[in-house]
All heavy atoms as atom14 arrays in JSON, in Angstrom:
{
  "sequence": "LHPERTAASLTEEEVVRLHKDIIETLRDAVEQGGS",
  "atom14_mask": [
    [1, 1, 1, 1, 1, 1, 1, 1, 0, 0, 0, 0, 0, 0],
    [1, 1, 1, 1, 1, 1, 1, 1, 1, 1, 0, 0, 0, 0],
    [1, 1, 1, 1, 1, 1, 1, 0, 0, 0, 0, 0, 0, 0],
    [1, 1, 1, 1, 1, 1, 1, 1, 1, 0, 0, 0, 0, 0],
    [1, 1, 1, 1, 1, 1, 1, 1, 1, 1, 1, 0, 0, 0],
    [1, 1, 1, 1, 1, 1, 1, 0, 0, 0, 0, 0, 0, 0],
    [1, 1, 1, 1, 1, 0, 0, 0, 0, 0, 0, 0, 0, 0],
    [1, 1, 1, 1, 1, 0, 0, 0, 0, 0, 0, 0, 0, 0],
    [1, 1, 1, 1, 1, 1, 0, 0, 0, 0, 0, 0, 0, 0],
    [1, 1, 1, 1, 1, 1, 1, 1, 0, 0, 0, 0, 0, 0],
    [1, 1, 1, 1, 1, 1, 1, 0, 0, 0, 0, 0, 0, 0],
    [1, 1, 1, 1, 1, 1, 1, 1, 1, 0, 0, 0, 0, 0],
    [1, 1, 1, 1, 1, 1, 1, 1, 1, 0, 0, 0, 0, 0],
    [1, 1, 1, 1, 1, 1, 1, 1, 1, 0, 0, 0, 0, 0],
    [1, 1, 1, 1, 1, 1, 1, 0, 0, 0, 0, 0, 0, 0],
    [1, 1, 1, 1, 1, 1, 1, 0, 0, 0, 0, 0, 0, 0],
    [1, 1, 1, 1, 1, 1, 1, 1, 1, 1, 1, 0, 0, 0],
    [1, 1, 1, 1, 1, 1, 1, 1, 0, 0, 0, 0, 0, 0],
    [1, 1, 1, 1, 1, 1, 1, 1, 1, 1, 0, 0, 0, 0],
    [1, 1, 1, 1, 1, 1, 1, 1, 1, 0, 0, 0, 0, 0],
    [1, 1, 1, 1, 1, 1, 1, 1, 0, 0, 0, 0, 0, 0],
    [1, 1, 1, 1, 1, 1, 1, 1, 0, 0, 0, 0, 0, 0],
    [1, 1, 1, 1, 1, 1, 1, 1, 0, 0, 0, 0, 0, 0],
    [1, 1, 1, 1, 1, 1, 1, 1, 1, 0, 0, 0, 0, 0],
    [1, 1, 1, 1, 1, 1, 1, 0, 0, 0, 0, 0, 0, 0],
    [1, 1, 1, 1, 1, 1, 1, 1, 0, 0, 0, 0, 0, 0],
    [1, 1, 1, 1, 1, 1, 1, 1, 1, 1, 1, 0, 0, 0],
    [1, 1, 1, 1, 1, 1, 1, 1, 0, 0, 0, 0, 0, 0],
    [1, 1, 1, 1, 1, 0, 0, 0, 0, 0, 0, 0, 0, 0],
    [1, 1, 1, 1, 1, 1, 1, 0, 0, 0, 0, 0, 0, 0],
    [1, 1, 1, 1, 1, 1, 1, 1, 1, 0, 0, 0, 0, 0],
    [1, 1, 1, 1, 1, 1, 1, 1, 1, 0, 0, 0, 0, 0],
    [1, 1, 1, 1, 0, 0, 0, 0, 0, 0, 0, 0, 0, 0],
    [1, 1, 1, 1, 0, 0, 0, 0, 0, 0, 0, 0, 0, 0],
    [1, 1, 1, 1, 1, 1, 0, 0, 0, 0, 0, 0, 0, 0]
  ],
  "atom14_positions": [
    [[84.08, 101.58, 100.18], [85.48, 101.16, 100.08], [85.68, 99.82, 100.79], [85.26, 99.67, 101.94], [86.4, 102.21, 100.68], [86.35, 103.59, 100.02], [87.17, 104.59, 100.82], [86.84, 103.52, 98.58], [0.0, 0.0, 0.0], [0.0, 0.0, 0.0], [0.0, 0.0, 0.0], [0.0, 0.0, 0.0], [0.0, 0.0, 0.0], [0.0, 0.0, 0.0]],
    [[86.32, 98.88, 100.13], [86.59, 97.58, 100.74], [87.66, 97.75, 101.83], [88.69, 98.4, 101.61], [87.09, 96.59, 99.68], [87.05, 95.16, 100.13], [87.98, 94.65, 101.0], [86.19, 94.15, 99.83], [87.71, 93.38, 101.23], [86.63, 93.05, 100.54], [0.0, 0.0, 0.0], [0.0, 0.0, 0.0], [0.0, 0.0, 0.0], [0.0, 0.0, 0.0]],
    [[87.45, 97.16, 103.0], [88.38, 97.35, 104.13], [89.78, 96.8, 103.9], [90.72, 97.21, 104.58], [87.7, 96.63, 105.29], [86.75, 95.68, 104.66], [86.28, 96.34, 103.4], [0.0, 0.0, 0.0], [0.0, 0.0, 0.0], [0.0, 0.0, 0.0], [0.0, 0.0, 0.0], [0.0, 0.0, 0.0], [0.0, 0.0, 0.0], [0.0, 0.0, 0.0]],
    [[89.94, 95.88, 102.92], [91.26, 95.29, 102.67], [92.05, 96.01, 101.59], [93.21, 95.66, 101.35], [91.1, 93.81, 102.31], [90.6, 92.96, 103.46], [90.47, 91.5, 103.11], [90.01, 91.19, 101.99], [90.84, 90.66, 103.94], [0.0, 0.0, 0.0], [0.0, 0.0, 0.0], [0.0, 0.0, 0.0], [0.0, 0.0, 0.0], [0.0, 0.0, 0.0]],
    [[91.48, 97.01, 100.98], [92.26, 97.8, 100.02], [93.38, 98.53, 100.75], [93.21, 98.98, 101.89], [91.37, 98.81, 99.3], [90.54, 98.22, 98.19], [89.82, 99.3, 97.42], [90.73, 100.3, 96.85], [90.31, 101.38, 96.18], [89.02, 101.6, 96.03], [91.18, 102.23, 95.69], [0.0, 0.0, 0.0], [0.0, 0.0, 0.0], [0.0, 0.0, 0.0]],
    [[94.52, 98.67, 100.11], [95.6, 99.41, 100.76], [95.26, 100.9, 100.78], [94.57, 101.4, 99.88], [96.94, 99.22, 100.03], [96.85, 99.77, 98.71], [97.3, 97.73, 99.97], [0.0, 0.0, 0.0], [0.0, 0.0, 0.0], [0.0, 0.0, 0.0], [0.0, 0.0, 0.0], [0.0, 0.0, 0.0], [0.0, 0.0, 0.0], [0.0, 0.0, 0.0]],
    [[95.75, 101.57, 101.79], [95.48, 103.01, 101.9], [96.02, 103.75, 100.69], [95.37, 104.67, 100.17], [96.11, 103.55, 103.19], [0.0, 0.0, 0.0], [0.0, 0.0, 0.0], [0.0, 0.0, 0.0], [0.0, 0.0, 0.0], [0.0, 0.0, 0.0], [0.0, 0.0, 0.0], [0.0, 0.0, 0.0], [0.0, 0.0, 0.0], [0.0, 0.0, 0.0]],
    [[97.17, 103.34, 100.21], [97.8, 104.03, 99.09], [97.04, 103.85, 97.78], [97.21, 104.63, 96.84], [99.24, 103.55, 98.91], [0.0, 0.0, 0.0], [0.0, 0.0, 0.0], [0.0, 0.0, 0.0], [0.0, 0.0, 0.0], [0.0, 0.0, 0.0], [0.0, 0.0, 0.0], [0.0, 0.0, 0.0], [0.0, 0.0, 0.0], [0.0, 0.0, 0.0]],
    [[96.2, 102.84, 97.7], [95.47, 102.57, 96.46], [94.28, 103.5, 96.27], [93.71, 103.58, 95.18], [94.97, 101.12, 96.43], [93.87, 100.93, 97.31], [0.0, 0.0, 0.0], [0.0, 0.0, 0.0], [0.0, 0.0, 0.0], [0.0, 0.0, 0.0], [0.0, 0.0, 0.0], [0.0, 0.0, 0.0], [0.0, 0.0, 0.0], [0.0, 0.0, 0.0]],
    [[93.89, 104.22, 97.31], [92.72, 105.09, 97.2], [93.04, 106.32, 96.36], [94.11, 106.95, 96.51], [92.26, 105.54, 98.59], [91.22, 104.65, 99.29], [91.76, 103.24, 99.49], [90.82, 105.26, 100.63], [0.0, 0.0, 0.0], [0.0, 0.0, 0.0], [0.0, 0.0, 0.0], [0.0, 0.0, 0.0], [0.0, 0.0, 0.0], [0.0, 0.0, 0.0]],
    [[92.12, 106.67, 95.49], [92.28, 107.88, 94.69], [91.94, 109.1, 95.54], [91.34, 108.98, 96.62], [91.35, 107.86, 93.47], [89.98, 107.91, 93.92], [91.56, 106.58, 92.65], [0.0, 0.0, 0.0], [0.0, 0.0, 0.0], [0.0, 0.0, 0.0], [0.0, 0.0, 0.0], [0.0, 0.0, 0.0], [0.0, 0.0, 0.0], [0.0, 0.0, 0.0]],
    [[92.29, 110.25, 95.04], [91.97, 111.47, 95.78], [90.46, 111.62, 95.95], [89.98, 112.03, 97.01], [92.55, 112.69, 95.06], [92.4, 113.98, 95.84], [93.17, 115.13, 95.22], [93.75, 114.94, 94.13], [93.2, 116.21, 95.83], [0.0, 0.0, 0.0], [0.0, 0.0, 0.0], [0.0, 0.0, 0.0], [0.0, 0.0, 0.0], [0.0, 0.0, 0.0]],
    [[89.7, 111.28, 94.91], [88.25, 111.37, 94.99], [87.7, 110.42, 96.05], [86.78, 110.79, 96.8], [87.63, 111.02, 93.63], [86.12, 111.08, 93.6], [85.55, 110.68, 92.25], [86.34, 110.51, 91.29], [84.32, 110.53, 92.16], [0.0, 0.0, 0.0], [0.0, 0.0, 0.0], [0.0, 0.0, 0.0], [0.0, 0.0, 0.0], [0.0, 0.0, 0.0]],
    [[88.26, 109.22, 96.15], [87.8, 108.26, 97.16], [88.13, 108.74, 98.57], [87.33, 108.56, 99.49], [88.43, 106.89, 96.9], [87.87, 106.18, 95.68], [88.61, 104.9, 95.36], [89.85, 104.86, 95.58], [87.98, 103.95, 94.87], [0.0, 0.0, 0.0], [0.0, 0.0, 0.0], [0.0, 0.0, 0.0], [0.0, 0.0, 0.0], [0.0, 0.0, 0.0]],
    [[89.27, 109.36, 98.74], [89.65, 109.87, 100.06], [88.74, 111.02, 100.47], [88.35, 111.14, 101.64], [91.13, 110.29, 100.08], [91.47, 111.01, 101.38], [92.03, 109.08, 99.91], [0.0, 0.0, 0.0], [0.0, 0.0, 0.0], [0.0, 0.0, 0.0], [0.0, 0.0, 0.0], [0.0, 0.0, 0.0], [0.0, 0.0, 0.0], [0.0, 0.0, 0.0]],
    [[88.4, 111.87, 99.53], [87.47, 112.97, 99.82], [86.14, 112.41, 100.3], [85.55, 112.9, 101.28], [87.27, 113.87, 98.58], [86.1, 114.83, 98.8], [88.55, 114.64, 98.28], [0.0, 0.0, 0.0], [0.0, 0.0, 0.0], [0.0, 0.0, 0.0], [0.0, 0.0, 0.0], [0.0, 0.0, 0.0], [0.0, 0.0, 0.0], [0.0, 0.0, 0.0]],
    [[85.68, 111.36, 99.64], [84.42, 110.73, 100.04], [84.54, 110.08, 101.41], [83.65, 110.2, 102.26], [84.03, 109.69, 98.99], [82.63, 109.12, 99.18], [82.17, 108.35, 97.95], [82.89, 107.11, 97.76], [83.63, 106.82, 96.68], [83.78, 107.71, 95.71], [84.24, 105.65, 96.58], [0.0, 0.0, 0.0], [0.0, 0.0, 0.0], [0.0, 0.0, 0.0]],
    [[85.66, 109.41, 101.65], [85.89, 108.76, 102.94], [85.97, 109.8, 104.06], [85.39, 109.59, 105.14], [87.19, 107.95, 102.9], [87.62, 107.29, 104.21], [86.57, 106.31, 104.71], [88.98, 106.58, 104.02], [0.0, 0.0, 0.0], [0.0, 0.0, 0.0], [0.0, 0.0, 0.0], [0.0, 0.0, 0.0], [0.0, 0.0, 0.0], [0.0, 0.0, 0.0]],
    [[86.65, 110.89, 103.82], [86.76, 111.97, 104.81], [85.38, 112.45, 105.23], [85.07, 112.57, 106.42], [87.58, 113.11, 104.21], [87.61, 114.36, 105.03], [86.75, 115.41, 104.8], [88.38, 114.73, 106.08], [87.0, 116.38, 105.66], [87.98, 115.99, 106.46], [0.0, 0.0, 0.0], [0.0, 0.0, 0.0], [0.0, 0.0, 0.0], [0.0, 0.0, 0.0]],
    [[84.53, 112.7, 104.25], [83.16, 113.16, 104.53], [82.39, 112.12, 105.33], [81.69, 112.45, 106.3], [82.43, 113.45, 103.22], [80.96, 113.81, 103.39], [80.29, 114.05, 102.05], [80.13, 112.76, 101.25], [79.14, 111.83, 101.86], [0.0, 0.0, 0.0], [0.0, 0.0, 0.0], [0.0, 0.0, 0.0], [0.0, 0.0, 0.0], [0.0, 0.0, 0.0]],
    [[82.54, 110.84, 104.96], [81.76, 109.79, 105.62], [82.27, 109.47, 107.02], [81.49, 109.05, 107.88], [81.73, 108.54, 104.74], [80.86, 108.73, 103.51], [79.79, 109.35, 103.64], [81.24, 108.28, 102.42], [0.0, 0.0, 0.0], [0.0, 0.0, 0.0], [0.0, 0.0, 0.0], [0.0, 0.0, 0.0], [0.0, 0.0, 0.0], [0.0, 0.0, 0.0]],
    [[83.54, 109.65, 107.27], [84.06, 109.51, 108.64], [83.41, 110.54, 109.54], [82.89, 110.23, 110.63], [85.6, 109.68, 108.67], [86.29, 108.45, 108.06], [86.09, 109.9, 110.11], [87.79, 108.62, 107.89], [0.0, 0.0, 0.0], [0.0, 0.0, 0.0], [0.0, 0.0, 0.0], [0.0, 0.0, 0.0], [0.0, 0.0, 0.0], [0.0, 0.0, 0.0]],
    [[83.4, 111.78, 109.09], [82.83, 112.87, 109.9], [81.34, 112.66, 110.11], [80.84, 112.78, 111.24], [83.1, 114.23, 109.22], [84.61, 114.52, 109.22], [82.33, 115.35, 109.93], [84.99, 115.76, 108.42], [0.0, 0.0, 0.0], [0.0, 0.0, 0.0], [0.0, 0.0, 0.0], [0.0, 0.0, 0.0], [0.0, 0.0, 0.0], [0.0, 0.0, 0.0]],
    [[80.62, 112.32, 109.05], [79.18, 112.14, 109.17], [78.83, 110.96, 110.07], [77.88, 111.02, 110.86], [78.56, 111.97, 107.79], [78.56, 113.26, 106.96], [77.88, 113.09, 105.62], [77.47, 111.94, 105.3], [77.75, 114.1, 104.89], [0.0, 0.0, 0.0], [0.0, 0.0, 0.0], [0.0, 0.0, 0.0], [0.0, 0.0, 0.0], [0.0, 0.0, 0.0]],
    [[79.59, 109.87, 109.96], [79.34, 108.7, 110.8], [79.53, 109.06, 112.27], [78.69, 108.72, 113.12], [80.28, 107.55, 110.42], [80.03, 107.16, 109.06], [80.09, 106.34, 111.32], [0.0, 0.0, 0.0], [0.0, 0.0, 0.0], [0.0, 0.0, 0.0], [0.0, 0.0, 0.0], [0.0, 0.0, 0.0], [0.0, 0.0, 0.0], [0.0, 0.0, 0.0]],
    [[80.63, 109.74, 112.59], [80.91, 110.09, 113.98], [79.88, 111.09, 114.52], [79.42, 110.96, 115.65], [82.32, 110.66, 114.1], [83.46, 109.67, 113.85], [84.8, 110.38, 113.89], [83.43, 108.54, 114.87], [0.0, 0.0, 0.0], [0.0, 0.0, 0.0], [0.0, 0.0, 0.0], [0.0, 0.0, 0.0], [0.0, 0.0, 0.0], [0.0, 0.0, 0.0]],
    [[79.52, 112.07, 113.72], [78.53, 113.05, 114.17], [77.18, 112.4, 114.41], [76.5, 112.71, 115.41], [78.41, 114.19, 113.15], [79.57, 115.17, 113.2], [79.44, 116.28, 112.18], [80.5, 117.27, 112.33], [80.77, 118.21, 111.44], [80.06, 118.27, 110.32], [81.75, 119.06, 111.66], [0.0, 0.0, 0.0], [0.0, 0.0, 0.0], [0.0, 0.0, 0.0]],
    [[76.77, 111.51, 113.53], [75.5, 110.8, 113.72], [75.54, 109.98, 115.01], [74.56, 109.93, 115.77], [75.22, 109.87, 112.53], [74.83, 110.63, 111.27], [74.58, 111.85, 111.37], [74.79, 110.01, 110.19], [0.0, 0.0, 0.0], [0.0, 0.0, 0.0], [0.0, 0.0, 0.0], [0.0, 0.0, 0.0], [0.0, 0.0, 0.0], [0.0, 0.0, 0.0]],
    [[76.67, 109.31, 115.25], [76.8, 108.48, 116.45], [76.78, 109.31, 117.72], [76.16, 108.93, 118.72], [78.08, 107.65, 116.38], [0.0, 0.0, 0.0], [0.0, 0.0, 0.0], [0.0, 0.0, 0.0], [0.0, 0.0, 0.0], [0.0, 0.0, 0.0], [0.0, 0.0, 0.0], [0.0, 0.0, 0.0], [0.0, 0.0, 0.0], [0.0, 0.0, 0.0]],
    [[77.45, 110.47, 117.7], [77.45, 111.35, 118.87], [76.03, 111.83, 119.17], [75.59, 111.87, 120.33], [78.4, 112.55, 118.66], [78.19, 113.59, 119.75], [79.85, 112.09, 118.64], [0.0, 0.0, 0.0], [0.0, 0.0, 0.0], [0.0, 0.0, 0.0], [0.0, 0.0, 0.0], [0.0, 0.0, 0.0], [0.0, 0.0, 0.0], [0.0, 0.0, 0.0]],
    [[75.28, 112.18, 118.12], [73.9, 112.64, 118.31], [73.03, 111.56, 118.94], [72.09, 111.86, 119.69], [73.31, 113.06, 116.96], [73.86, 114.36, 116.41], [73.27, 114.71, 115.06], [72.35, 113.98, 114.61], [73.71, 115.7, 114.45], [0.0, 0.0, 0.0], [0.0, 0.0, 0.0], [0.0, 0.0, 0.0], [0.0, 0.0, 0.0], [0.0, 0.0, 0.0]],
    [[73.36, 110.29, 118.66], [72.58, 109.17, 119.2], [73.14, 108.66, 120.53], [72.64, 107.67, 121.07], [72.54, 108.03, 118.18], [71.79, 108.36, 116.91], [70.32, 108.64, 117.18], [69.65, 107.9, 117.89], [69.81, 109.73, 116.61], [0.0, 0.0, 0.0], [0.0, 0.0, 0.0], [0.0, 0.0, 0.0], [0.0, 0.0, 0.0], [0.0, 0.0, 0.0]],
    [[74.18, 109.32, 121.05], [74.74, 108.91, 122.33], [75.64, 107.71, 122.25], [75.9, 107.04, 123.25], [0.0, 0.0, 0.0], [0.0, 0.0, 0.0], [0.0, 0.0, 0.0], [0.0, 0.0, 0.0], [0.0, 0.0, 0.0], [0.0, 0.0, 0.0], [0.0, 0.0, 0.0], [0.0, 0.0, 0.0], [0.0, 0.0, 0.0], [0.0, 0.0, 0.0]],
    [[76.17, 107.42, 121.04], [77.06, 106.28, 120.87], [76.3, 104.99, 120.63], [75.09, 104.98, 120.42], [0.0, 0.0, 0.0], [0.0, 0.0, 0.0], [0.0, 0.0, 0.0], [0.0, 0.0, 0.0], [0.0, 0.0, 0.0], [0.0, 0.0, 0.0], [0.0, 0.0, 0.0], [0.0, 0.0, 0.0], [0.0, 0.0, 0.0], [0.0, 0.0, 0.0]],
    [[77.06, 103.88, 120.65], [76.49, 102.55, 120.39], [76.66, 101.66, 121.61], [77.78, 101.46, 122.08], [77.18, 101.89, 119.19], [77.04, 102.67, 118.03], [0.0, 0.0, 0.0], [0.0, 0.0, 0.0], [0.0, 0.0, 0.0], [0.0, 0.0, 0.0], [0.0, 0.0, 0.0], [0.0, 0.0, 0.0], [0.0, 0.0, 0.0], [0.0, 0.0, 0.0]]
  ]
}
């Protein structure tokens, strides 16, 4: 997802994907002790 897209422009499918990737990104970072 492009960072300049408006939040409202995201489809439900895109938000589902973003939701999953937020969680996975944070969990991966926690496992590595952060950045």
